[in-house]
Amino acid sequence: MRPAAALAERLGLPVRDLDLLQQALIHSSYLHEHRDLAVGHNERLEFLGDSVVSLAISNALYGRHPGDDEGVLSARRAAIVSTAGLARLAGRLSLGDFLLLGEGESQRGGRRRPALLASAFEAVVGALFLDLGYETTSDFVVGLANPELTSNRPLGALKSPKSRLQEFTQRMSGERPLYRLIEAVGPDHDKVFRVEVVVAARVLGVGEGHSRRVAETAAAARAIEALRNSPGELAGQAEGAPELVAFGRTGGDGGAAEDGVDEWEAFTAAAPPRSEPWQEFDLDLGAMAAREERRGDSSPHEPEAAPGDGK
């Protein structure tokens, strides 16, 4: 069975143009290595799908959060259409399993790479739009993103741990957190990074991940918990700080769940979550910023970059 046919079966949609859906699954690295087997890659479909996703999510948020102003709606949308948000939606479809990648990209873990998964998801949405029309495609996108769309989390809780930690430390002392790489072990295609975060000459958290960015995010999350729960100069100032709202996973109703670091790490592997929890994502406060995050020179799949780090 072709990947497109298998994916169509997984989607449960009346896909008519399997060739178009197949193109949505072709990464440029595959086309480079198999020019005789593929007529094109998925980047044009990705361009189209980006707009379809944004409109579908914007419309759904507008209807479901009548009390939110433009700024909060933009933040909620950015959380969903950011690289992290779209990669999570792709994970719910196990989209990485269906992608056609070049051998090198596949060996480097491309099927788990958030930026690649986010782009592929947009391409699939673009193909569905051309094949089935906007209404069916929009219903599909909105249904898949329902946990995020129905969340009532406040604006501050939508920001990533790195953004929240930086906002707090700059407000309290004018200092930015310093992230230091402790070690990086393992083969290039499956390397594990260990990072510590330092504030006012104190190590507040240590995190690990399969990219430096993920390790920094985990370290920031642990630093937030340290500031909330431990006595000390910074923690003494932390009481009531909105930036230090408890970090963790939440269910669709916005209720707190268990610690979020492991879930963040699971996200990077694009594993379908056990309970489809709403999760705190790296985001900027506008759709354009979210696009720049994914497309620009400092896109989030680069280990050194992350929102809230002076991008």
C-alpha atoms as a PDB file:
ATOM      1  CA  MET A   1       0.000   0.000   0.000  1.00  0.00           C
ATOM      2  CA  ARG A   2       1.318   3.430  -0.930  1.00  0.00           C
ATOM      3  CA  PRO A   3       1.935   5.829   1.966  1.00  0.00           C
ATOM      4  CA  ALA A   4      -0.861   8.072   0.694  1.00  0.00           C
ATOM      5  CA  ALA A   5      -3.397   5.240   0.735  1.00  0.00           C
ATOM      6  CA  ALA A   6      -2.344   4.203   4.226  1.00  0.00           C
ATOM      7  CA  LEU A   7      -2.589   7.790   5.453  1.00  0.00           C
ATOM      8  CA  ALA A   8      -6.009   8.275   3.843  1.00  0.00           C
ATOM      9  CA  GLU A   9      -7.200   5.219   5.732  1.00  0.00           C
ATOM     10  CA  ARG A  10      -5.823   6.664   8.954  1.00  0.00           C
ATOM     11  CA  LEU A  11      -7.462  10.041   8.348  1.00  0.00           C
ATOM     12  CA  GLY A  12     -10.871   8.487   7.786  1.00  0.00           C
ATOM     13  CA  LEU A  13     -11.656  11.038   5.096  1.00  0.00           C
ATOM     14  CA  PRO A  14     -13.055  10.369   1.588  1.00  0.00           C
ATOM     15  CA  VAL A  15      -9.787  11.203  -0.167  1.00  0.00           C
ATOM     16  CA  ARG A  16     -10.175  11.099  -3.940  1.00  0.00           C
ATOM     17  CA  ASP A  17      -6.817  12.302  -5.223  1.00  0.00           C
ATOM     18  CA  LEU A  18      -4.228   9.952  -3.758  1.00  0.00           C
ATOM     19  CA  ASP A  19      -1.526  11.329  -6.052  1.00  0.00           C
ATOM     20  CA  LEU A  20      -1.979  14.772  -4.528  1.00  0.00           C
ATOM     21  CA  LEU A  21      -1.872  13.374  -0.992  1.00  0.00           C
ATOM     22  CA  GLN A  22       1.234  11.393  -1.942  1.00  0.00           C
ATOM     23  CA  GLN A  23       2.950  14.590  -3.032  1.00  0.00           C
ATOM     24  CA  ALA A  24       2.165  16.117   0.356  1.00  0.00           C
ATOM     25  CA  LEU A  25       4.265  13.368   1.939  1.00  0.00           C
ATOM     26  CA  ILE A  26       7.348  13.885  -0.257  1.00  0.00           C
ATOM     27  CA  HIS A  27      10.143  15.809   1.416  1.00  0.00           C
ATOM     28  CA  SER A  28      12.634  17.624  -0.790  1.00  0.00           C
ATOM     29  CA  SER A  29      15.388  15.246   0.362  1.00  0.00           C
ATOM     30  CA  TYR A  30      13.465  12.308  -1.112  1.00  0.00           C
ATOM     31  CA  LEU A  31      12.992  14.072  -4.428  1.00  0.00           C
ATOM     32  CA  HIS A  32      16.711  14.833  -4.559  1.00  0.00           C
ATOM     33  CA  GLU A  33      17.544  11.134  -4.232  1.00  0.00           C
ATOM     34  CA  HIS A  34      14.637   9.715  -6.291  1.00  0.00           C
ATOM     35  CA  ARG A  35      13.988  12.094  -9.176  1.00  0.00           C
ATOM     36  CA  ASP A  36      12.735   9.223 -11.294  1.00  0.00           C
ATOM     37  CA  LEU A  37      10.097   8.222  -8.719  1.00  0.00           C
ATOM     38  CA  ALA A  38       8.658  11.586  -7.707  1.00  0.00           C
ATOM     39  CA  VAL A  39       7.427  14.519  -9.766  1.00  0.00           C
ATOM     40  CA  GLY A  40       7.685  17.092  -6.987  1.00  0.00           C
ATOM     41  CA  HIS A  41       7.980  17.711  -3.267  1.00  0.00           C
ATOM     42  CA  ASN A  42       5.471  19.115  -0.804  1.00  0.00           C
ATOM     43  CA  GLU A  43       6.547  22.739  -0.352  1.00  0.00           C
ATOM     44  CA  ARG A  44       3.891  24.319  -2.603  1.00  0.00           C
ATOM     45  CA  LEU A  45       1.181  22.374  -0.777  1.00  0.00           C
ATOM     46  CA  GLU A  46       2.729  23.459   2.509  1.00  0.00           C
ATOM     47  CA  PHE A  47       2.397  27.101   1.421  1.00  0.00           C
ATOM     48  CA  LEU A  48      -1.298  26.600   0.734  1.00  0.00           C
ATOM     49  CA  GLY A  49      -1.972  24.543   3.845  1.00  0.00           C
ATOM     50  CA  ASP A  50      -0.450  27.191   6.084  1.00  0.00           C
ATOM     51  CA  SER A  51      -3.246  29.611   5.194  1.00  0.00           C
ATOM     52  CA  VAL A  52      -5.960  26.961   5.504  1.00  0.00           C
ATOM     53  CA  VAL A  53      -4.765  25.947   8.972  1.00  0.00           C
ATOM     54  CA  SER A  54      -4.529  29.558  10.133  1.00  0.00           C
ATOM     55  CA  LEU A  55      -8.049  30.397   8.929  1.00  0.00           C
ATOM     56  CA  ALA A  56      -9.597  27.246  10.398  1.00  0.00           C
ATOM     57  CA  ILE A  57      -7.930  27.768  13.788  1.00  0.00           C
ATOM     58  CA  SER A  58      -8.691  31.508  13.839  1.00  0.00           C
ATOM     59  CA  ASN A  59     -12.368  30.920  13.073  1.00  0.00           C
ATOM     60  CA  ALA A  60     -12.665  28.217  15.730  1.00  0.00           C
ATOM     61  CA  LEU A  61     -10.944  30.331  18.397  1.00  0.00           C
ATOM     62  CA  TYR A  62     -13.109  33.334  17.568  1.00  0.00           C
ATOM     63  CA  GLY A  63     -16.255  31.298  18.142  1.00  0.00           C
ATOM     64  CA  ARG A  64     -15.091  29.370  21.205  1.00  0.00           C
ATOM     65  CA  HIS A  65     -13.517  32.226  23.181  1.00  0.00           C
ATOM     66  CA  PRO A  66     -15.944  35.158  22.877  1.00  0.00           C
ATOM     67  CA  GLY A  67     -14.419  36.893  25.911  1.00  0.00           C
ATOM     68  CA  ASP A  68     -10.851  37.014  24.580  1.00  0.00           C
ATOM     69  CA  ASP A  69      -9.479  40.150  22.971  1.00  0.00           C
ATOM     70  CA  GLU A  70      -7.344  40.201  19.833  1.00  0.00           C
ATOM     71  CA  GLY A  71      -4.075  39.809  21.715  1.00  0.00           C
ATOM     72  CA  VAL A  72      -5.160  36.709  23.616  1.00  0.00           C
ATOM     73  CA  LEU A  73      -6.705  35.156  20.515  1.00  0.00           C
ATOM     74  CA  SER A  74      -3.445  35.764  18.643  1.00  0.00           C
ATOM     75  CA  ALA A  75      -1.485  34.091  21.432  1.00  0.00           C
ATOM     76  CA  ARG A  76      -3.785  31.075  21.447  1.00  0.00           C
ATOM     77  CA  ARG A  77      -3.549  30.779  17.677  1.00  0.00           C
ATOM     78  CA  ALA A  78       0.223  31.132  17.737  1.00  0.00           C
ATOM     79  CA  ALA A  79       0.473  28.306  20.272  1.00  0.00           C
ATOM     80  CA  ILE A  80      -1.378  26.000  17.892  1.00  0.00           C
ATOM     81  CA  VAL A  81       0.141  27.053  14.557  1.00  0.00           C
ATOM     82  CA  SER A  82       3.712  27.275  15.853  1.00  0.00           C
ATOM     83  CA  THR A  83       6.145  24.541  14.901  1.00  0.00           C
ATOM     84  CA  ALA A  84       5.589  22.813  18.237  1.00  0.00           C
ATOM     85  CA  GLY A  85       1.816  23.010  17.961  1.00  0.00           C
ATOM     86  CA  LEU A  86       1.596  21.701  14.393  1.00  0.00           C
ATOM     87  CA  ALA A  87       4.134  18.967  15.087  1.00  0.00           C
ATOM     88  CA  ARG A  88       1.955  17.840  17.948  1.00  0.00           C
ATOM     89  CA  LEU A  89      -1.043  17.612  15.625  1.00  0.00           C
ATOM     90  CA  ALA A  90       1.121  15.644  13.194  1.00  0.00           C
ATOM     91  CA  GLY A  91       2.052  13.315  16.055  1.00  0.00           C
ATOM     92  CA  ARG A  92      -1.608  12.545  16.661  1.00  0.00           C
ATOM     93  CA  LEU A  93      -1.732  11.217  13.104  1.00  0.00           C
ATOM     94  CA  SER A  94       1.634   9.414  13.367  1.00  0.00           C
ATOM     95  CA  LEU A  95       2.419  11.465  10.262  1.00  0.00           C
ATOM     96  CA  GLY A  96       6.142  10.799  10.500  1.00  0.00           C
ATOM     97  CA  ASP A  97       5.512   7.142   9.680  1.00  0.00           C
ATOM     98  CA  PHE A  98       4.073   8.058   6.275  1.00  0.00           C
ATOM     99  CA  LEU A  99       6.646  10.589   5.091  1.00  0.00           C
ATOM    100  CA  LEU A 100       8.938   9.928   2.138  1.00  0.00           C
ATOM    101  CA  LEU A 101      12.379  11.157   3.191  1.00  0.00           C
ATOM    102  CA  GLY A 102      15.841  10.899   1.743  1.00  0.00           C
ATOM    103  CA  GLU A 103      18.071   8.324   3.388  1.00  0.00           C
ATOM    104  CA  GLY A 104      20.239  10.930   5.085  1.00  0.00           C
ATOM    105  CA  GLU A 105      17.275  12.883   6.453  1.00  0.00           C
ATOM    106  CA  SER A 106      15.680   9.704   7.717  1.00  0.00           C
ATOM    107  CA  GLN A 107      18.862   8.628   9.512  1.00  0.00           C
ATOM    108  CA  ARG A 108      19.127  12.043  11.143  1.00  0.00           C
ATOM    109  CA  GLY A 109      15.751  11.518  12.772  1.00  0.00           C
ATOM    110  CA  GLY A 110      13.713  13.556  10.308  1.00  0.00           C
ATOM    111  CA  ARG A 111      10.544  11.637  11.136  1.00  0.00           C
ATOM    112  CA  ARG A 112      10.720  13.113  14.649  1.00  0.00           C
ATOM    113  CA  ARG A 113      11.923  16.611  13.757  1.00  0.00           C
ATOM    114  CA  PRO A 114       9.260  19.157  14.732  1.00  0.00           C
ATOM    115  CA  ALA A 115       9.923  21.589  11.870  1.00  0.00           C
ATOM    116  CA  LEU A 116       9.689  18.828   9.274  1.00  0.00           C
ATOM    117  CA  LEU A 117       6.515  17.393  10.821  1.00  0.00           C
ATOM    118  CA  ALA A 118       4.891  20.817  11.026  1.00  0.00           C
ATOM    119  CA  SER A 119       5.629  21.501   7.364  1.00  0.00           C
ATOM    120  CA  ALA A 120       4.355  18.079   6.321  1.00  0.00           C
ATOM    121  CA  PHE A 121       1.141  18.604   8.275  1.00  0.00           C
ATOM    122  CA  GLU A 122       0.514  21.867   6.436  1.00  0.00           C
ATOM    123  CA  ALA A 123       1.183  20.126   3.126  1.00  0.00           C
ATOM    124  CA  VAL A 124      -1.348  17.410   3.955  1.00  0.00           C
ATOM    125  CA  VAL A 125      -3.908  20.073   4.843  1.00  0.00           C
ATOM    126  CA  GLY A 126      -3.184  21.826   1.551  1.00  0.00           C
ATOM    127  CA  ALA A 127      -3.766  18.601  -0.360  1.00  0.00           C
ATOM    128  CA  LEU A 128      -7.014  17.929   1.503  1.00  0.00           C
ATOM    129  CA  PHE A 129      -8.221  21.444   0.762  1.00  0.00           C
ATOM    130  CA  LEU A 130      -7.664  21.036  -2.972  1.00  0.00           C
ATOM    131  CA  ASP A 131      -9.263  17.588  -2.964  1.00  0.00           C
ATOM    132  CA  LEU A 132     -12.152  17.906  -0.513  1.00  0.00           C
ATOM    133  CA  GLY A 133     -12.768  21.628  -0.120  1.00  0.00           C
ATOM    134  CA  TYR A 134     -12.498  24.035   2.780  1.00  0.00           C
ATOM    135  CA  GLU A 135     -15.418  22.863   4.940  1.00  0.00           C
ATOM    136  CA  THR A 136     -14.293  19.245   5.204  1.00  0.00           C
ATOM    137  CA  THR A 137     -10.667  20.224   5.681  1.00  0.00           C
ATOM    138  CA  SER A 138     -11.494  22.821   8.311  1.00  0.00           C
ATOM    139  CA  ASP A 139     -13.606  20.332  10.253  1.00  0.00           C
ATOM    140  CA  PHE A 140     -10.684  17.906  10.175  1.00  0.00           C
ATOM    141  CA  VAL A 141      -8.181  20.481  11.460  1.00  0.00           C
ATOM    142  CA  VAL A 142     -10.510  21.775  14.175  1.00  0.00           C
ATOM    143  CA  GLY A 143     -11.359  18.270  15.345  1.00  0.00           C
ATOM    144  CA  LEU A 144      -7.692  17.336  15.587  1.00  0.00           C
ATOM    145  CA  ALA A 145      -6.850  20.506  17.542  1.00  0.00           C
ATOM    146  CA  ASN A 146      -9.865  20.295  19.857  1.00  0.00           C
ATOM    147  CA  PRO A 147      -7.852  19.940  23.123  1.00  0.00           C
ATOM    148  CA  GLU A 148      -6.013  23.181  22.397  1.00  0.00           C
ATOM    149  CA  LEU A 149      -9.051  25.022  21.068  1.00  0.00           C
ATOM    150  CA  THR A 150     -11.142  24.259  24.145  1.00  0.00           C
ATOM    151  CA  SER A 151      -8.427  25.138  26.662  1.00  0.00           C
ATOM    152  CA  ASN A 152      -9.141  28.142  28.865  1.00  0.00           C
ATOM    153  CA  ARG A 153      -5.587  28.616  30.023  1.00  0.00           C
ATOM    154  CA  PRO A 154      -4.609  32.236  30.721  1.00  0.00           C
ATOM    155  CA  LEU A 155      -2.231  34.067  28.421  1.00  0.00           C
ATOM    156  CA  GLY A 156       0.723  33.767  30.774  1.00  0.00           C
ATOM    157  CA  ALA A 157       0.381  29.999  30.975  1.00  0.00           C
ATOM    158  CA  LEU A 158       0.526  29.698  27.187  1.00  0.00           C
ATOM    159  CA  LYS A 159       4.106  30.922  27.063  1.00  0.00           C
ATOM    160  CA  SER A 160       7.009  28.502  27.055  1.00  0.00           C
ATOM    161  CA  PRO A 161       9.031  27.856  30.223  1.00  0.00           C
ATOM    162  CA  LYS A 162      12.002  29.707  28.696  1.00  0.00           C
ATOM    163  CA  SER A 163       9.932  32.802  27.954  1.00  0.00           C
ATOM    164  CA  ARG A 164       8.336  32.759  31.392  1.00  0.00           C
ATOM    165  CA  LEU A 165      11.640  32.310  33.216  1.00  0.00           C
ATOM    166  CA  GLN A 166      13.250  35.140  31.271  1.00  0.00           C
ATOM    167  CA  GLU A 167      10.340  37.505  31.913  1.00  0.00           C
ATOM    168  CA  PHE A 168      10.522  36.787  35.630  1.00  0.00           C
ATOM    169  CA  THR A 169      14.279  37.168  36.016  1.00  0.00           C
ATOM    170  CA  GLN A 170      14.391  40.365  33.968  1.00  0.00           C
ATOM    171  CA  ARG A 171      11.532  41.850  35.998  1.00  0.00           C
ATOM    172  CA  MET A 172      13.154  40.916  39.306  1.00  0.00           C
ATOM    173  CA  SER A 173      16.836  41.547  38.668  1.00  0.00           C
ATOM    174  CA  GLY A 174      17.280  42.704  35.084  1.00  0.00           C
ATOM    175  CA  GLU A 175      19.245  39.510  34.332  1.00  0.00           C
ATOM    176  CA  ARG A 176      18.639  36.994  31.580  1.00  0.00           C
ATOM    177  CA  PRO A 177      18.969  33.274  32.286  1.00  0.00           C
ATOM    178  CA  LEU A 178      22.213  31.767  31.027  1.00  0.00           C
ATOM    179  CA  TYR A 179      22.008  28.299  29.436  1.00  0.00           C
ATOM    180  CA  ARG A 180      25.233  26.279  29.548  1.00  0.00           C
ATOM    181  CA  LEU A 181      25.814  23.012  27.722  1.00  0.00           C
ATOM    182  CA  ILE A 182      27.106  20.404  30.158  1.00  0.00           C
ATOM    183  CA  GLU A 183      27.517  17.529  27.724  1.00  0.00           C
ATOM    184  CA  ALA A 184      26.281  16.062  24.457  1.00  0.00           C
ATOM    185  CA  VAL A 185      26.539  12.304  24.144  1.00  0.00           C
ATOM    186  CA  GLY A 186      25.555   9.756  21.528  1.00  0.00           C
ATOM    187  CA  PRO A 187      25.699   9.477  17.733  1.00  0.00           C
ATOM    188  CA  ASP A 188      24.879  12.511  15.617  1.00  0.00           C
ATOM    189  CA  HIS A 189      21.481  11.181  14.607  1.00  0.00           C
ATOM    190  CA  ASP A 190      20.439  10.449  18.216  1.00  0.00           C
ATOM    191  CA  LYS A 191      22.483  12.796  20.393  1.00  0.00           C
ATOM    192  CA  VAL A 192      21.328  13.676  23.913  1.00  0.00           C
ATOM    193  CA  PHE A 193      22.092  17.169  25.233  1.00  0.00           C
ATOM    194  CA  ARG A 194      22.351  18.072  28.912  1.00  0.00           C
ATOM    195  CA  VAL A 195      22.000  21.762  29.763  1.00  0.00           C
ATOM    196  CA  GLU A 196      21.930  23.790  32.978  1.00  0.00           C
ATOM    197  CA  VAL A 197      20.311  27.180  33.455  1.00  0.00           C
ATOM    198  CA  VAL A 198      22.015  29.756  35.652  1.00  0.00           C
ATOM    199  CA  VAL A 199      20.409  32.844  37.193  1.00  0.00           C
ATOM    200  CA  ALA A 200      22.350  35.217  39.462  1.00  0.00           C
ATOM    201  CA  ALA A 201      25.264  32.751  39.577  1.00  0.00           C
ATOM    202  CA  ARG A 202      22.961  29.973  40.800  1.00  0.00           C
ATOM    203  CA  VAL A 203      22.186  26.791  38.877  1.00  0.00           C
ATOM    204  CA  LEU A 204      18.402  26.558  39.081  1.00  0.00           C
ATOM    205  CA  GLY A 205      17.683  23.671  36.747  1.00  0.00           C
ATOM    206  CA  VAL A 206      19.177  20.958  34.582  1.00  0.00           C
ATOM    207  CA  GLY A 207      17.436  19.438  31.569  1.00  0.00           C
ATOM    208  CA  GLU A 208      18.047  16.839  28.886  1.00  0.00           C
ATOM    209  CA  GLY A 209      16.736  16.407  25.364  1.00  0.00           C
ATOM    210  CA  HIS A 210      17.503  15.287  21.827  1.00  0.00           C
ATOM    211  CA  SER A 211      18.255  18.873  20.850  1.00  0.00           C
ATOM    212  CA  ARG A 212      19.835  21.677  22.792  1.00  0.00           C
ATOM    213  CA  ARG A 213      16.612  23.655  22.545  1.00  0.00           C
ATOM    214  CA  VAL A 214      14.577  20.880  24.153  1.00  0.00           C
ATOM    215  CA  ALA A 215      17.171  20.459  26.904  1.00  0.00           C
ATOM    216  CA  GLU A 216      17.061  24.197  27.596  1.00  0.00           C
ATOM    217  CA  THR A 217      13.265  24.103  27.782  1.00  0.00           C
ATOM    218  CA  ALA A 218      13.377  21.249  30.279  1.00  0.00           C
ATOM    219  CA  ALA A 219      15.989  23.108  32.347  1.00  0.00           C
ATOM    220  CA  ALA A 220      13.832  26.242  32.368  1.00  0.00           C
ATOM    221  CA  ALA A 221      10.804  24.239  33.507  1.00  0.00           C
ATOM    222  CA  ARG A 222      12.775  22.838  36.411  1.00  0.00           C
ATOM    223  CA  ALA A 223      14.092  26.306  37.251  1.00  0.00           C
ATOM    224  CA  ILE A 224      10.520  27.578  37.440  1.00  0.00           C
ATOM    225  CA  GLU A 225       9.651  24.811  39.864  1.00  0.00           C
ATOM    226  CA  ALA A 226      12.758  25.598  41.929  1.00  0.00           C
ATOM    227  CA  LEU A 227      11.773  29.258  42.147  1.00  0.00           C
ATOM    228  CA  ARG A 228       8.226  28.381  43.139  1.00  0.00           C
ATOM    229  CA  ASN A 229       9.070  25.755  45.743  1.00  0.00           C
ATOM    230  CA  SER A 230      12.504  26.540  47.216  1.00  0.00           C
ATOM    231  CA  PRO A 231      13.495  29.277  49.666  1.00  0.00           C
ATOM    232  CA  GLY A 232      16.148  31.779  48.611  1.00  0.00           C
ATOM    233  CA  GLU A 233      16.611  35.284  47.314  1.00  0.00           C
ATOM    234  CA  LEU A 234      14.878  34.803  43.970  1.00  0.00           C
ATOM    235  CA  ALA A 235      12.233  32.450  45.314  1.00  0.00           C
ATOM    236  CA  GLY A 236      11.427  34.957  48.039  1.00  0.00           C
ATOM    237  CA  GLN A 237      10.476  37.427  45.311  1.00  0.00           C
ATOM    238  CA  ALA A 238       8.573  34.850  43.305  1.00  0.00           C
ATOM    239  CA  GLU A 239       5.384  34.717  45.347  1.00  0.00           C
ATOM    240  CA  GLY A 240       2.494  35.814  43.218  1.00  0.00           C
ATOM    241  CA  ALA A 241       4.594  36.143  40.084  1.00  0.00           C
ATOM    242  CA  PRO A 242       2.360  35.360  37.090  1.00  0.00           C
ATOM    243  CA  GLU A 243       5.353  34.076  35.129  1.00  0.00           C
ATOM    244  CA  LEU A 244       5.823  31.231  37.583  1.00  0.00           C
ATOM    245  CA  VAL A 245       2.405  29.650  37.279  1.00  0.00           C
ATOM    246  CA  ALA A 246       2.862  25.913  37.798  1.00  0.00           C
ATOM    247  CA  PHE A 247       4.464  24.250  34.820  1.00  0.00           C
ATOM    248  CA  GLY A 248       2.919  20.968  33.729  1.00  0.00           C
ATOM    249  CA  ARG A 249       0.583  19.203  31.405  1.00  0.00           C
ATOM    250  CA  THR A 250      -3.086  19.961  31.465  1.00  0.00           C
ATOM    251  CA  GLY A 251      -6.171  18.248  30.236  1.00  0.00           C
ATOM    252  CA  GLY A 252      -8.630  19.737  27.788  1.00  0.00           C
ATOM    253  CA  ASP A 253     -10.448  21.397  30.686  1.00  0.00           C
ATOM    254  CA  GLY A 254      -7.347  23.342  31.671  1.00  0.00           C
ATOM    255  CA  GLY A 255      -6.811  21.396  34.888  1.00  0.00           C
ATOM    256  CA  ALA A 256      -3.313  20.667  36.076  1.00  0.00           C
ATOM    257  CA  ALA A 257      -1.721  17.310  35.540  1.00  0.00           C
ATOM    258  CA  GLU A 258       1.629  15.758  36.262  1.00  0.00           C
ATOM    259  CA  ASP A 259       5.035  17.295  35.574  1.00  0.00           C
ATOM    260  CA  GLY A 260       5.405  18.501  31.989  1.00  0.00           C
ATOM    261  CA  VAL A 261       9.074  17.874  31.233  1.00  0.00           C
ATOM    262  CA  ASP A 262       8.671  14.230  30.289  1.00  0.00           C
ATOM    263  CA  GLU A 263       5.702  15.094  28.086  1.00  0.00           C
ATOM    264  CA  TRP A 264       7.775  17.768  26.322  1.00  0.00           C
ATOM    265  CA  GLU A 265      10.463  15.190  25.648  1.00  0.00           C
ATOM    266  CA  ALA A 266       7.827  12.766  24.354  1.00  0.00           C
ATOM    267  CA  PHE A 267       6.565  15.471  22.022  1.00  0.00           C
ATOM    268  CA  THR A 268       9.973  15.796  20.381  1.00  0.00           C
ATOM    269  CA  ALA A 269       9.701  12.165  19.319  1.00  0.00           C
ATOM    270  CA  ALA A 270       6.279  12.965  17.808  1.00  0.00           C
ATOM    271  CA  ALA A 271       4.746  10.167  19.820  1.00  0.00           C
ATOM    272  CA  PRO A 272       0.937  10.277  20.005  1.00  0.00           C
ATOM    273  CA  PRO A 273       0.218  11.295  23.612  1.00  0.00           C
ATOM    274  CA  ARG A 274      -1.625   8.866  25.831  1.00  0.00           C
ATOM    275  CA  SER A 275      -4.258  11.363  26.928  1.00  0.00           C
ATOM    276  CA  GLU A 276      -3.935  14.078  24.250  1.00  0.00           C
ATOM    277  CA  PRO A 277      -3.132  16.716  26.916  1.00  0.00           C
ATOM    278  CA  TRP A 278      -2.985  20.429  26.233  1.00  0.00           C
ATOM    279  CA  GLN A 279       0.636  21.396  26.588  1.00  0.00           C
ATOM    280  CA  GLU A 280       2.614  24.584  26.960  1.00  0.00           C
ATOM    281  CA  PHE A 281       4.321  25.365  23.680  1.00  0.00           C
ATOM    282  CA  ASP A 282       7.066  27.703  22.597  1.00  0.00           C
ATOM    283  CA  LEU A 283       5.363  30.578  20.853  1.00  0.00           C
ATOM    284  CA  ASP A 284       5.568  34.182  19.823  1.00  0.00           C
ATOM    285  CA  LEU A 285       2.552  36.446  20.198  1.00  0.00           C
ATOM    286  CA  GLY A 286       1.452  36.541  16.579  1.00  0.00           C
ATOM    287  CA  ALA A 287       0.995  34.301  13.605  1.00  0.00           C
ATOM    288  CA  MET A 288       3.717  36.113  11.670  1.00  0.00           C
ATOM    289  CA  ALA A 289       6.164  35.544  14.482  1.00  0.00           C
ATOM    290  CA  ALA A 290       5.183  31.890  14.543  1.00  0.00           C
ATOM    291  CA  ARG A 291       5.908  31.622  10.832  1.00  0.00           C
ATOM    292  CA  GLU A 292       9.274  33.346  11.231  1.00  0.00           C
ATOM    293  CA  GLU A 293      10.047  30.965  14.067  1.00  0.00           C
ATOM    294  CA  ARG A 294       9.575  28.030  11.732  1.00  0.00           C
ATOM    295  CA  ARG A 295      11.018  29.510   8.525  1.00  0.00           C
ATOM    296  CA  GLY A 296      13.732  31.926   9.586  1.00  0.00           C
ATOM    297  CA  ASP A 297      17.446  31.445  10.042  1.00  0.00           C
ATOM    298  CA  SER A 298      16.911  30.770  13.754  1.00  0.00           C
ATOM    299  CA  SER A 299      14.014  28.353  13.340  1.00  0.00           C
ATOM    300  CA  PRO A 300      13.124  26.198  16.357  1.00  0.00           C
ATOM    301  CA  HIS A 301      14.544  23.021  14.909  1.00  0.00           C
ATOM    302  CA  GLU A 302      17.960  24.594  15.298  1.00  0.00           C
ATOM    303  CA  PRO A 303      19.284  23.516  18.688  1.00  0.00           C
ATOM    304  CA  GLU A 304      20.538  26.950  19.733  1.00  0.00           C
ATOM    305  CA  ALA A 305      17.328  28.939  19.255  1.00  0.00           C
ATOM    306  CA  ALA A 306      14.091  29.175  21.149  1.00  0.00           C
ATOM    307  CA  PRO A 307      11.369  31.728  21.713  1.00  0.00           C
ATOM    308  CA  GLY A 308      12.068  34.066  24.575  1.00  0.00           C
ATOM    309  CA  ASP A 309      15.818  34.032  23.935  1.00  0.00           C
ATOM    310  CA  GLY A 310      16.133  37.406  22.278  1.00  0.00           C
ATOM    311  CA  LYS A 311      15.100  36.339  18.835  1.00  0.00           C
END
